[in-house]
Amino acid sequence: MRLSTRPRLIVSAVLAALVLAGCAAQPDPERETEAATAVEQWAALDATELIDQLEATPVDERPQDVMASIRQDEVLVSAPDGSQEVSVPIEESHYLSIAPYVDQTHDCFFHSLTTCTGEMGGEEITVRVVDDRTGEVYVDETSRTHDNGFAGFWLPRDISATITVTAAGRSAETSVETGPDDLTCLTSLQLT
């Protein structure tokens, strides 16, 4: 019995799909094991150590086998392929990473310790954070941004504050909140 043209095309398409599926890249168990080990090593640190170490690591030396994203109450550490994710709790404080800029920025809500970069790496900045309700000064210091262009600050949770950043004779100011639904990555401070 001979198949008509249409059924032969369908059979050919199904066979081609099966062949291509068989030729697709297969998971690499060794690479997955390495990524899982890296995730476990970073997740073994407490949140403060994890954040401090990754923020201070020069951009070209940052780990390629792990992703780390800061949420309001945890750092999510994961393998780049999404095969593993571990939560490292943040106790009591809210971490806010600030990347002031002059010419170029990116949208950001949750700071990525492994991929976020700002334009002002290694620059001296003065940062002042003042509570909008009480006038309490939480931060008033001159520091240097990390190689990734960010400077991070531990702030009390559930406050409204005004942040002022000054660098090289330019400044910017904005309001922030540190509640359960607020950002951990501030990239909208354009210095003028």
N, C-alpha and C. Protein backbone atom coordinates (compact mmCIF):
# COMPACT_ATOMS: atom_id res chain seq x y z
N MET A 1 0.84 -1.17 0.00
CA MET A 1 0.00 0.00 0.00
C MET A 1 0.88 1.23 0.00
N ARG A 2 0.49 2.18 -0.78
CA ARG A 2 1.29 3.38 -0.93
C ARG A 2 0.62 4.55 -0.23
N LEU A 3 1.41 5.34 0.55
CA LEU A 3 0.88 6.51 1.25
C LEU A 3 0.73 7.67 0.28
N SER A 4 -0.31 8.48 0.50
CA SER A 4 -0.46 9.67 -0.33
C SER A 4 0.58 10.70 0.12
N THR A 5 0.72 11.77 -0.60
CA THR A 5 1.73 12.78 -0.32
C THR A 5 1.55 13.42 1.06
N ARG A 6 0.35 13.76 1.44
CA ARG A 6 0.11 14.44 2.72
C ARG A 6 0.53 13.59 3.92
N PRO A 7 0.08 12.33 4.04
CA PRO A 7 0.53 11.52 5.18
C PRO A 7 2.05 11.33 5.18
N ARG A 8 2.67 11.23 3.98
CA ARG A 8 4.13 11.08 3.94
C ARG A 8 4.81 12.33 4.51
N LEU A 9 4.26 13.51 4.23
CA LEU A 9 4.83 14.74 4.76
C LEU A 9 4.71 14.78 6.29
N ILE A 10 3.59 14.32 6.79
CA ILE A 10 3.39 14.30 8.24
C ILE A 10 4.36 13.33 8.88
N VAL A 11 4.49 12.14 8.31
CA VAL A 11 5.43 11.15 8.83
C VAL A 11 6.85 11.69 8.77
N SER A 12 7.21 12.34 7.68
CA SER A 12 8.55 12.92 7.54
C SER A 12 8.80 13.99 8.59
N ALA A 13 7.80 14.83 8.85
CA ALA A 13 7.95 15.90 9.83
C ALA A 13 8.14 15.31 11.24
N VAL A 14 7.37 14.28 11.56
CA VAL A 14 7.48 13.64 12.87
C VAL A 14 8.86 13.01 13.02
N LEU A 15 9.33 12.30 11.99
CA LEU A 15 10.66 11.67 12.05
C LEU A 15 11.75 12.72 12.18
N ALA A 16 11.63 13.82 11.46
CA ALA A 16 12.63 14.89 11.54
C ALA A 16 12.66 15.47 12.95
N ALA A 17 11.50 15.68 13.56
CA ALA A 17 11.44 16.21 14.93
C ALA A 17 12.10 15.25 15.90
N LEU A 18 11.86 13.95 15.73
CA LEU A 18 12.49 12.97 16.61
C LEU A 18 14.00 12.95 16.45
N VAL A 19 14.49 13.05 15.23
CA VAL A 19 15.93 13.07 14.98
C VAL A 19 16.54 14.31 15.61
N LEU A 20 15.90 15.49 15.40
CA LEU A 20 16.43 16.71 15.98
C LEU A 20 16.43 16.68 17.50
N ALA A 21 15.38 16.12 18.07
CA ALA A 21 15.32 16.00 19.53
C ALA A 21 16.46 15.13 20.04
N GLY A 22 16.78 14.09 19.32
CA GLY A 22 17.87 13.21 19.71
C GLY A 22 19.22 13.87 19.58
N CYS A 23 19.34 14.88 18.68
CA CYS A 23 20.60 15.57 18.47
C CYS A 23 20.74 16.79 19.36
N ALA A 24 19.69 17.19 20.06
CA ALA A 24 19.74 18.37 20.91
C ALA A 24 20.74 18.13 22.03
N ALA A 25 21.27 19.25 22.56
CA ALA A 25 22.24 19.17 23.64
C ALA A 25 21.63 18.46 24.84
N GLN A 26 22.33 17.50 25.31
CA GLN A 26 21.89 16.75 26.47
C GLN A 26 22.45 17.42 27.73
N PRO A 27 21.75 17.30 28.85
CA PRO A 27 22.26 17.89 30.09
C PRO A 27 23.64 17.33 30.41
N ASP A 28 24.49 18.19 30.94
CA ASP A 28 25.84 17.80 31.33
C ASP A 28 25.85 17.62 32.85
N PRO A 29 25.78 16.36 33.32
CA PRO A 29 25.71 16.10 34.76
C PRO A 29 26.88 16.71 35.53
N GLU A 30 28.08 16.71 34.93
CA GLU A 30 29.25 17.26 35.62
C GLU A 30 29.09 18.76 35.83
N ARG A 31 28.63 19.45 34.79
CA ARG A 31 28.42 20.91 34.90
C ARG A 31 27.32 21.23 35.91
N GLU A 32 26.24 20.44 35.90
CA GLU A 32 25.16 20.65 36.86
C GLU A 32 25.65 20.43 38.29
N THR A 33 26.52 19.43 38.50
CA THR A 33 27.08 19.16 39.82
C THR A 33 27.96 20.31 40.28
N GLU A 34 28.77 20.87 39.37
CA GLU A 34 29.63 22.01 39.71
C GLU A 34 28.79 23.21 40.09
N ALA A 35 27.73 23.47 39.35
CA ALA A 35 26.85 24.60 39.65
C ALA A 35 26.17 24.40 41.01
N ALA A 36 25.71 23.19 41.28
CA ALA A 36 25.06 22.91 42.56
C ALA A 36 26.04 23.10 43.71
N THR A 37 27.28 22.68 43.52
CA THR A 37 28.30 22.85 44.55
C THR A 37 28.57 24.33 44.80
N ALA A 38 28.66 25.13 43.73
CA ALA A 38 28.88 26.57 43.87
C ALA A 38 27.72 27.23 44.61
N VAL A 39 26.51 26.86 44.26
CA VAL A 39 25.33 27.42 44.94
C VAL A 39 25.39 27.08 46.43
N GLU A 40 25.68 25.84 46.75
CA GLU A 40 25.75 25.42 48.15
C GLU A 40 26.84 26.15 48.92
N GLN A 41 28.01 26.38 48.28
CA GLN A 41 29.11 27.08 48.95
C GLN A 41 28.72 28.52 49.30
N TRP A 42 28.14 29.23 48.33
CA TRP A 42 27.74 30.61 48.59
C TRP A 42 26.59 30.66 49.58
N ALA A 43 25.64 29.74 49.47
CA ALA A 43 24.48 29.73 50.36
C ALA A 43 24.84 29.34 51.79
N ALA A 44 26.03 28.79 52.00
CA ALA A 44 26.46 28.43 53.34
C ALA A 44 26.85 29.67 54.16
N LEU A 45 27.08 30.79 53.50
CA LEU A 45 27.41 32.04 54.19
C LEU A 45 26.13 32.68 54.72
N ASP A 46 26.26 33.52 55.75
CA ASP A 46 25.08 34.28 56.14
C ASP A 46 24.91 35.43 55.14
N ALA A 47 23.75 36.06 55.14
CA ALA A 47 23.42 37.06 54.11
C ALA A 47 24.43 38.21 54.08
N THR A 48 24.86 38.67 55.23
CA THR A 48 25.81 39.79 55.28
C THR A 48 27.13 39.41 54.63
N GLU A 49 27.67 38.25 54.98
CA GLU A 49 28.94 37.79 54.39
C GLU A 49 28.79 37.58 52.89
N LEU A 50 27.71 36.96 52.49
CA LEU A 50 27.45 36.68 51.08
C LEU A 50 27.42 37.98 50.27
N ILE A 51 26.65 38.95 50.76
CA ILE A 51 26.53 40.23 50.07
C ILE A 51 27.86 40.96 50.06
N ASP A 52 28.52 41.06 51.21
CA ASP A 52 29.80 41.77 51.28
C ASP A 52 30.84 41.18 50.34
N GLN A 53 30.94 39.85 50.32
CA GLN A 53 31.95 39.21 49.47
C GLN A 53 31.67 39.40 47.98
N LEU A 54 30.42 39.20 47.58
CA LEU A 54 30.12 39.34 46.16
C LEU A 54 30.18 40.79 45.70
N GLU A 55 29.70 41.73 46.52
CA GLU A 55 29.79 43.15 46.15
C GLU A 55 31.24 43.58 45.97
N ALA A 56 32.14 43.08 46.82
CA ALA A 56 33.54 43.50 46.78
C ALA A 56 34.35 42.79 45.69
N THR A 57 33.81 41.74 45.11
CA THR A 57 34.54 40.99 44.08
C THR A 57 34.57 41.79 42.78
N PRO A 58 35.77 42.02 42.20
CA PRO A 58 35.83 42.73 40.93
C PRO A 58 34.95 42.04 39.87
N VAL A 59 34.37 42.84 38.99
CA VAL A 59 33.42 42.33 38.00
C VAL A 59 33.99 41.17 37.20
N ASP A 60 35.23 41.28 36.73
CA ASP A 60 35.78 40.21 35.90
C ASP A 60 36.17 38.96 36.69
N GLU A 61 36.05 39.01 38.01
CA GLU A 61 36.34 37.85 38.85
C GLU A 61 35.07 37.25 39.47
N ARG A 62 33.94 37.80 39.14
CA ARG A 62 32.68 37.30 39.72
C ARG A 62 32.41 35.89 39.24
N PRO A 63 31.81 35.06 40.10
CA PRO A 63 31.55 33.67 39.72
C PRO A 63 30.57 33.59 38.55
N GLN A 64 30.86 32.70 37.62
CA GLN A 64 29.99 32.47 36.47
C GLN A 64 29.01 31.32 36.71
N ASP A 65 29.26 30.56 37.77
CA ASP A 65 28.46 29.38 38.02
C ASP A 65 27.39 29.59 39.09
N VAL A 66 27.13 30.87 39.43
CA VAL A 66 26.11 31.17 40.43
C VAL A 66 25.50 32.54 40.15
N MET A 67 24.23 32.67 40.48
CA MET A 67 23.51 33.94 40.42
C MET A 67 23.08 34.25 41.85
N ALA A 68 23.07 35.54 42.21
CA ALA A 68 22.63 35.92 43.55
C ALA A 68 21.83 37.21 43.45
N SER A 69 20.61 37.18 43.92
CA SER A 69 19.70 38.32 43.82
C SER A 69 19.16 38.67 45.20
N ILE A 70 19.24 39.95 45.55
CA ILE A 70 18.81 40.40 46.87
C ILE A 70 17.34 40.78 46.83
N ARG A 71 16.57 40.14 47.69
CA ARG A 71 15.17 40.50 47.91
C ARG A 71 15.10 41.25 49.24
N GLN A 72 13.91 41.63 49.66
CA GLN A 72 13.79 42.39 50.90
C GLN A 72 14.20 41.59 52.13
N ASP A 73 13.92 40.29 52.14
CA ASP A 73 14.20 39.49 53.33
C ASP A 73 15.03 38.25 53.07
N GLU A 74 15.64 38.19 51.87
CA GLU A 74 16.46 37.02 51.54
C GLU A 74 17.36 37.32 50.35
N VAL A 75 18.41 36.52 50.24
CA VAL A 75 19.24 36.51 49.04
C VAL A 75 18.96 35.18 48.37
N LEU A 76 18.53 35.23 47.11
CA LEU A 76 18.29 34.00 46.36
C LEU A 76 19.56 33.65 45.60
N VAL A 77 20.12 32.51 45.91
CA VAL A 77 21.34 32.02 45.27
C VAL A 77 20.94 30.86 44.38
N SER A 78 21.29 30.95 43.09
CA SER A 78 20.84 29.92 42.16
C SER A 78 21.90 29.60 41.11
N ALA A 79 21.70 28.46 40.47
CA ALA A 79 22.52 28.09 39.32
C ALA A 79 22.00 28.89 38.13
N PRO A 80 22.88 29.31 37.21
CA PRO A 80 22.44 30.10 36.06
C PRO A 80 21.37 29.41 35.21
N ASP A 81 21.36 28.09 35.19
CA ASP A 81 20.35 27.37 34.40
C ASP A 81 19.05 27.16 35.15
N GLY A 82 18.98 27.65 36.40
CA GLY A 82 17.77 27.52 37.19
C GLY A 82 17.56 26.16 37.82
N SER A 83 18.56 25.28 37.73
CA SER A 83 18.39 23.92 38.25
C SER A 83 18.37 23.86 39.77
N GLN A 84 18.88 24.89 40.44
CA GLN A 84 18.90 24.88 41.89
C GLN A 84 18.78 26.31 42.39
N GLU A 85 18.03 26.50 43.48
CA GLU A 85 17.89 27.81 44.09
C GLU A 85 17.79 27.64 45.60
N VAL A 86 18.56 28.45 46.33
CA VAL A 86 18.58 28.39 47.78
C VAL A 86 18.33 29.80 48.31
N SER A 87 17.55 29.89 49.37
CA SER A 87 17.25 31.17 50.01
C SER A 87 18.13 31.34 51.24
N VAL A 88 18.82 32.48 51.31
CA VAL A 88 19.60 32.84 52.49
C VAL A 88 18.88 34.01 53.15
N PRO A 89 18.34 33.82 54.36
CA PRO A 89 17.53 34.87 54.99
C PRO A 89 18.34 36.10 55.37
N ILE A 90 17.70 37.26 55.22
CA ILE A 90 18.25 38.53 55.71
C ILE A 90 17.49 38.86 56.99
N GLU A 91 18.20 39.01 58.07
CA GLU A 91 17.58 39.27 59.37
C GLU A 91 17.50 40.77 59.63
N GLU A 92 16.34 41.26 59.98
CA GLU A 92 16.08 42.57 60.55
C GLU A 92 16.31 43.79 59.67
N SER A 93 17.31 43.86 58.84
CA SER A 93 17.62 45.07 58.07
C SER A 93 17.19 44.94 56.62
N HIS A 94 17.27 46.05 55.92
CA HIS A 94 16.96 46.11 54.48
C HIS A 94 18.24 46.54 53.78
N TYR A 95 18.70 45.75 52.82
CA TYR A 95 19.91 46.11 52.07
C TYR A 95 19.51 46.88 50.83
N LEU A 96 20.13 48.04 50.64
CA LEU A 96 19.87 48.86 49.46
C LEU A 96 21.19 49.13 48.77
N SER A 97 21.28 48.71 47.51
CA SER A 97 22.48 48.92 46.72
C SER A 97 22.21 50.08 45.76
N ILE A 98 23.09 51.08 45.78
CA ILE A 98 22.90 52.31 45.03
C ILE A 98 23.96 52.43 43.95
N ALA A 99 23.51 52.74 42.72
CA ALA A 99 24.45 52.98 41.61
C ALA A 99 24.14 54.35 41.02
N PRO A 100 24.77 55.42 41.56
CA PRO A 100 24.56 56.73 40.95
C PRO A 100 25.18 56.73 39.54
N TYR A 101 24.71 57.65 38.70
CA TYR A 101 25.24 57.70 37.34
C TYR A 101 25.18 59.13 36.82
N VAL A 102 25.92 59.37 35.75
CA VAL A 102 25.91 60.65 35.06
C VAL A 102 25.23 60.48 33.71
N ASP A 103 25.66 59.48 32.92
CA ASP A 103 25.17 59.33 31.55
C ASP A 103 24.33 58.09 31.28
N GLN A 104 24.61 57.00 31.96
CA GLN A 104 23.99 55.74 31.57
C GLN A 104 23.61 54.91 32.80
N THR A 105 22.41 54.29 32.74
CA THR A 105 21.96 53.44 33.84
C THR A 105 21.13 52.29 33.27
N HIS A 106 20.56 51.50 34.13
CA HIS A 106 19.66 50.43 33.72
C HIS A 106 18.53 50.33 34.75
N ASP A 107 17.39 49.81 34.33
CA ASP A 107 16.29 49.59 35.26
C ASP A 107 16.64 48.41 36.16
N CYS A 108 16.29 48.56 37.42
CA CYS A 108 16.61 47.49 38.37
C CYS A 108 15.66 47.60 39.55
N PHE A 109 15.23 46.47 40.08
CA PHE A 109 14.39 46.46 41.27
C PHE A 109 15.05 45.61 42.37
N PHE A 110 15.42 44.37 42.02
CA PHE A 110 16.15 43.50 42.94
C PHE A 110 17.61 43.45 42.49
N HIS A 111 18.51 43.85 43.37
CA HIS A 111 19.92 43.93 43.00
C HIS A 111 20.51 42.54 42.77
N SER A 112 21.16 42.37 41.63
CA SER A 112 21.87 41.14 41.34
C SER A 112 23.34 41.34 41.71
N LEU A 113 23.80 40.53 42.63
CA LEU A 113 25.19 40.62 43.07
C LEU A 113 26.17 40.11 42.03
N THR A 114 25.68 39.41 41.04
CA THR A 114 26.58 38.81 40.06
C THR A 114 26.49 39.45 38.68
N THR A 115 25.43 40.20 38.38
CA THR A 115 25.31 40.74 37.03
C THR A 115 25.08 42.24 36.94
N CYS A 116 24.59 42.89 38.00
CA CYS A 116 24.32 44.33 37.93
C CYS A 116 25.62 45.13 37.87
N THR A 117 25.69 46.07 36.94
CA THR A 117 26.83 46.98 36.89
C THR A 117 26.34 48.39 36.61
N GLY A 118 26.98 49.35 37.25
CA GLY A 118 26.72 50.75 37.04
C GLY A 118 27.92 51.41 36.39
N GLU A 119 27.77 52.66 35.99
CA GLU A 119 28.85 53.32 35.24
C GLU A 119 29.96 53.88 36.12
N MET A 120 29.74 54.02 37.42
CA MET A 120 30.70 54.71 38.27
C MET A 120 31.49 53.76 39.16
N GLY A 121 32.13 52.77 38.59
CA GLY A 121 32.92 51.83 39.36
C GLY A 121 34.14 52.48 39.96
N GLY A 122 34.36 52.24 41.26
CA GLY A 122 35.56 52.74 41.94
C GLY A 122 35.57 54.24 42.17
N GLU A 123 34.40 54.89 42.18
CA GLU A 123 34.32 56.34 42.36
C GLU A 123 34.01 56.69 43.81
N GLU A 124 34.56 57.80 44.29
CA GLU A 124 34.27 58.28 45.62
C GLU A 124 32.92 58.99 45.61
N ILE A 125 32.05 58.62 46.54
CA ILE A 125 30.73 59.25 46.66
C ILE A 125 30.45 59.55 48.12
N THR A 126 29.65 60.58 48.34
CA THR A 126 29.17 60.89 49.68
C THR A 126 27.68 60.57 49.70
N VAL A 127 27.25 59.81 50.69
CA VAL A 127 25.87 59.36 50.78
C VAL A 127 25.29 59.78 52.13
N ARG A 128 24.09 60.32 52.04
CA ARG A 128 23.36 60.71 53.26
C ARG A 128 21.95 60.15 53.15
N VAL A 129 21.53 59.40 54.18
CA VAL A 129 20.18 58.83 54.23
C VAL A 129 19.52 59.33 55.50
N VAL A 130 18.39 60.03 55.33
CA VAL A 130 17.69 60.65 56.46
C VAL A 130 16.24 60.18 56.49
N ASP A 131 15.79 59.77 57.66
CA ASP A 131 14.41 59.33 57.84
C ASP A 131 13.47 60.52 57.61
N ASP A 132 12.47 60.35 56.74
CA ASP A 132 11.55 61.43 56.40
C ASP A 132 10.64 61.82 57.57
N ARG A 133 10.34 60.90 58.46
CA ARG A 133 9.43 61.18 59.56
C ARG A 133 10.13 61.74 60.79
N THR A 134 11.26 61.14 61.14
CA THR A 134 11.92 61.50 62.40
C THR A 134 13.13 62.41 62.23
N GLY A 135 13.69 62.46 61.02
CA GLY A 135 14.90 63.24 60.80
C GLY A 135 16.16 62.51 61.20
N GLU A 136 16.01 61.27 61.67
CA GLU A 136 17.19 60.49 62.07
C GLU A 136 18.07 60.24 60.85
N VAL A 137 19.38 60.41 61.07
CA VAL A 137 20.35 60.19 59.99
C VAL A 137 20.88 58.76 60.11
N TYR A 138 20.61 57.95 59.08
CA TYR A 138 21.05 56.56 59.10
C TYR A 138 22.43 56.39 58.47
N VAL A 139 22.70 57.18 57.45
CA VAL A 139 23.99 57.12 56.77
C VAL A 139 24.43 58.54 56.50
N ASP A 140 25.71 58.83 56.78
CA ASP A 140 26.32 60.10 56.42
C ASP A 140 27.81 59.82 56.29
N GLU A 141 28.19 59.39 55.10
CA GLU A 141 29.58 58.94 54.92
C GLU A 141 30.06 59.12 53.49
N THR A 142 31.36 59.19 53.39
CA THR A 142 32.01 59.18 52.09
C THR A 142 32.60 57.80 51.92
N SER A 143 32.27 57.18 50.80
CA SER A 143 32.80 55.84 50.52
C SER A 143 33.12 55.74 49.04
N ARG A 144 33.54 54.59 48.63
CA ARG A 144 33.90 54.35 47.24
C ARG A 144 32.98 53.26 46.70
N THR A 145 32.46 53.47 45.50
CA THR A 145 31.65 52.42 44.89
C THR A 145 32.54 51.23 44.57
N HIS A 146 31.93 50.07 44.59
CA HIS A 146 32.66 48.86 44.21
C HIS A 146 32.94 48.87 42.71
N ASP A 147 33.70 47.91 42.26
CA ASP A 147 34.04 47.79 40.84
C ASP A 147 32.79 47.73 39.97
N ASN A 148 31.69 47.21 40.52
CA ASN A 148 30.45 47.10 39.75
C ASN A 148 29.66 48.41 39.69
N GLY A 149 30.17 49.48 40.33
CA GLY A 149 29.50 50.77 40.29
C GLY A 149 28.47 50.97 41.38
N PHE A 150 28.34 50.03 42.30
CA PHE A 150 27.34 50.10 43.37
C PHE A 150 28.01 50.29 44.74
N ALA A 151 27.27 50.94 45.63
CA ALA A 151 27.63 51.02 47.04
C ALA A 151 26.39 50.57 47.80
N GLY A 152 26.58 49.69 48.76
CA GLY A 152 25.44 49.12 49.48
C GLY A 152 25.35 49.62 50.91
N PHE A 153 24.10 49.71 51.39
CA PHE A 153 23.86 50.21 52.74
C PHE A 153 22.78 49.39 53.42
N TRP A 154 23.01 49.07 54.70
CA TRP A 154 22.03 48.38 55.52
C TRP A 154 21.18 49.44 56.21
N LEU A 155 19.89 49.41 55.96
CA LEU A 155 18.96 50.38 56.53
C LEU A 155 17.91 49.67 57.36
N PRO A 156 17.27 50.40 58.29
CA PRO A 156 16.16 49.78 59.03
C PRO A 156 15.02 49.43 58.07
N ARG A 157 14.27 48.42 58.42
CA ARG A 157 13.09 48.06 57.63
C ARG A 157 11.94 49.02 57.92
N ASP A 158 11.06 49.13 56.94
CA ASP A 158 9.81 49.88 57.09
C ASP A 158 10.01 51.36 57.40
N ILE A 159 10.95 51.99 56.69
CA ILE A 159 11.12 53.44 56.83
C ILE A 159 10.88 54.10 55.47
N SER A 160 10.63 55.40 55.52
CA SER A 160 10.65 56.26 54.33
C SER A 160 11.82 57.20 54.57
N ALA A 161 12.69 57.33 53.58
CA ALA A 161 13.89 58.14 53.77
C ALA A 161 14.23 58.89 52.49
N THR A 162 15.03 59.94 52.67
CA THR A 162 15.56 60.68 51.54
C THR A 162 17.04 60.36 51.44
N ILE A 163 17.45 59.99 50.23
CA ILE A 163 18.85 59.67 49.97
C ILE A 163 19.44 60.78 49.11
N THR A 164 20.59 61.29 49.54
CA THR A 164 21.32 62.29 48.77
C THR A 164 22.69 61.71 48.47
N VAL A 165 23.08 61.73 47.20
CA VAL A 165 24.40 61.24 46.79
C VAL A 165 25.12 62.39 46.10
N THR A 166 26.39 62.59 46.46
CA THR A 166 27.22 63.63 45.86
C THR A 166 28.52 62.98 45.39
N ALA A 167 28.96 63.38 44.20
CA ALA A 167 30.23 62.89 43.65
C ALA A 167 30.75 63.90 42.64
N ALA A 168 32.01 64.25 42.76
CA ALA A 168 32.68 65.14 41.81
C ALA A 168 31.88 66.41 41.53
N GLY A 169 31.36 67.01 42.59
CA GLY A 169 30.63 68.27 42.45
C GLY A 169 29.21 68.15 41.91
N ARG A 170 28.72 66.95 41.71
CA ARG A 170 27.36 66.72 41.23
C ARG A 170 26.58 66.01 42.32
N SER A 171 25.25 66.15 42.29
CA SER A 171 24.46 65.46 43.31
C SER A 171 23.11 65.03 42.76
N ALA A 172 22.47 64.16 43.53
CA ALA A 172 21.12 63.67 43.21
C ALA A 172 20.45 63.32 44.51
N GLU A 173 19.12 63.40 44.50
CA GLU A 173 18.35 63.11 45.69
C GLU A 173 17.08 62.38 45.29
N THR A 174 16.67 61.43 46.12
CA THR A 174 15.42 60.72 45.87
C THR A 174 14.88 60.16 47.19
N SER A 175 13.62 59.81 47.17
CA SER A 175 12.99 59.17 48.33
C SER A 175 12.93 57.67 48.10
N VAL A 176 13.10 56.92 49.18
CA VAL A 176 12.99 55.46 49.12
C VAL A 176 12.21 54.96 50.32
N GLU A 177 11.71 53.76 50.19
CA GLU A 177 11.07 53.07 51.31
C GLU A 177 11.71 51.70 51.43
N THR A 178 11.64 51.15 52.63
CA THR A 178 12.28 49.85 52.88
C THR A 178 11.27 48.84 53.42
N GLY A 179 10.10 48.84 52.83
CA GLY A 179 9.06 47.91 53.24
C GLY A 179 9.19 46.57 52.53
N PRO A 180 8.25 45.66 52.79
CA PRO A 180 8.33 44.31 52.24
C PRO A 180 8.17 44.23 50.72
N ASP A 181 7.70 45.30 50.08
CA ASP A 181 7.52 45.28 48.63
C ASP A 181 8.43 46.29 47.92
N ASP A 182 9.47 46.76 48.60
CA ASP A 182 10.31 47.82 48.04
C ASP A 182 11.61 47.29 47.45
N LEU A 183 12.21 48.14 46.65
CA LEU A 183 13.41 47.77 45.88
C LEU A 183 14.64 47.58 46.74
N THR A 184 15.59 46.83 46.19
CA THR A 184 16.90 46.66 46.82
C THR A 184 18.00 47.18 45.91
N CYS A 185 17.62 47.74 44.78
CA CYS A 185 18.56 48.20 43.75
C CYS A 185 18.10 49.57 43.28
N LEU A 186 18.88 50.61 43.58
CA LEU A 186 18.52 51.97 43.22
C LEU A 186 19.45 52.45 42.12
N THR A 187 18.93 52.60 40.92
CA THR A 187 19.74 53.00 39.77
C THR A 187 19.22 54.29 39.11
N SER A 188 18.35 55.02 39.79
CA SER A 188 17.74 56.20 39.20
C SER A 188 18.35 57.51 39.68
N LEU A 189 19.46 57.47 40.38
CA LEU A 189 20.10 58.69 40.90
C LEU A 189 21.05 59.29 39.87
N GLN A 190 20.53 60.15 39.02
CA GLN A 190 21.38 60.80 38.01
C GLN A 190 22.01 62.04 38.62
N LEU A 191 23.32 62.05 38.67
CA LEU A 191 24.07 63.17 39.25
C LEU A 191 24.11 64.33 38.25
N THR A 192 23.68 65.52 38.72
CA THR A 192 23.69 66.71 37.85
C THR A 192 24.42 67.84 38.51
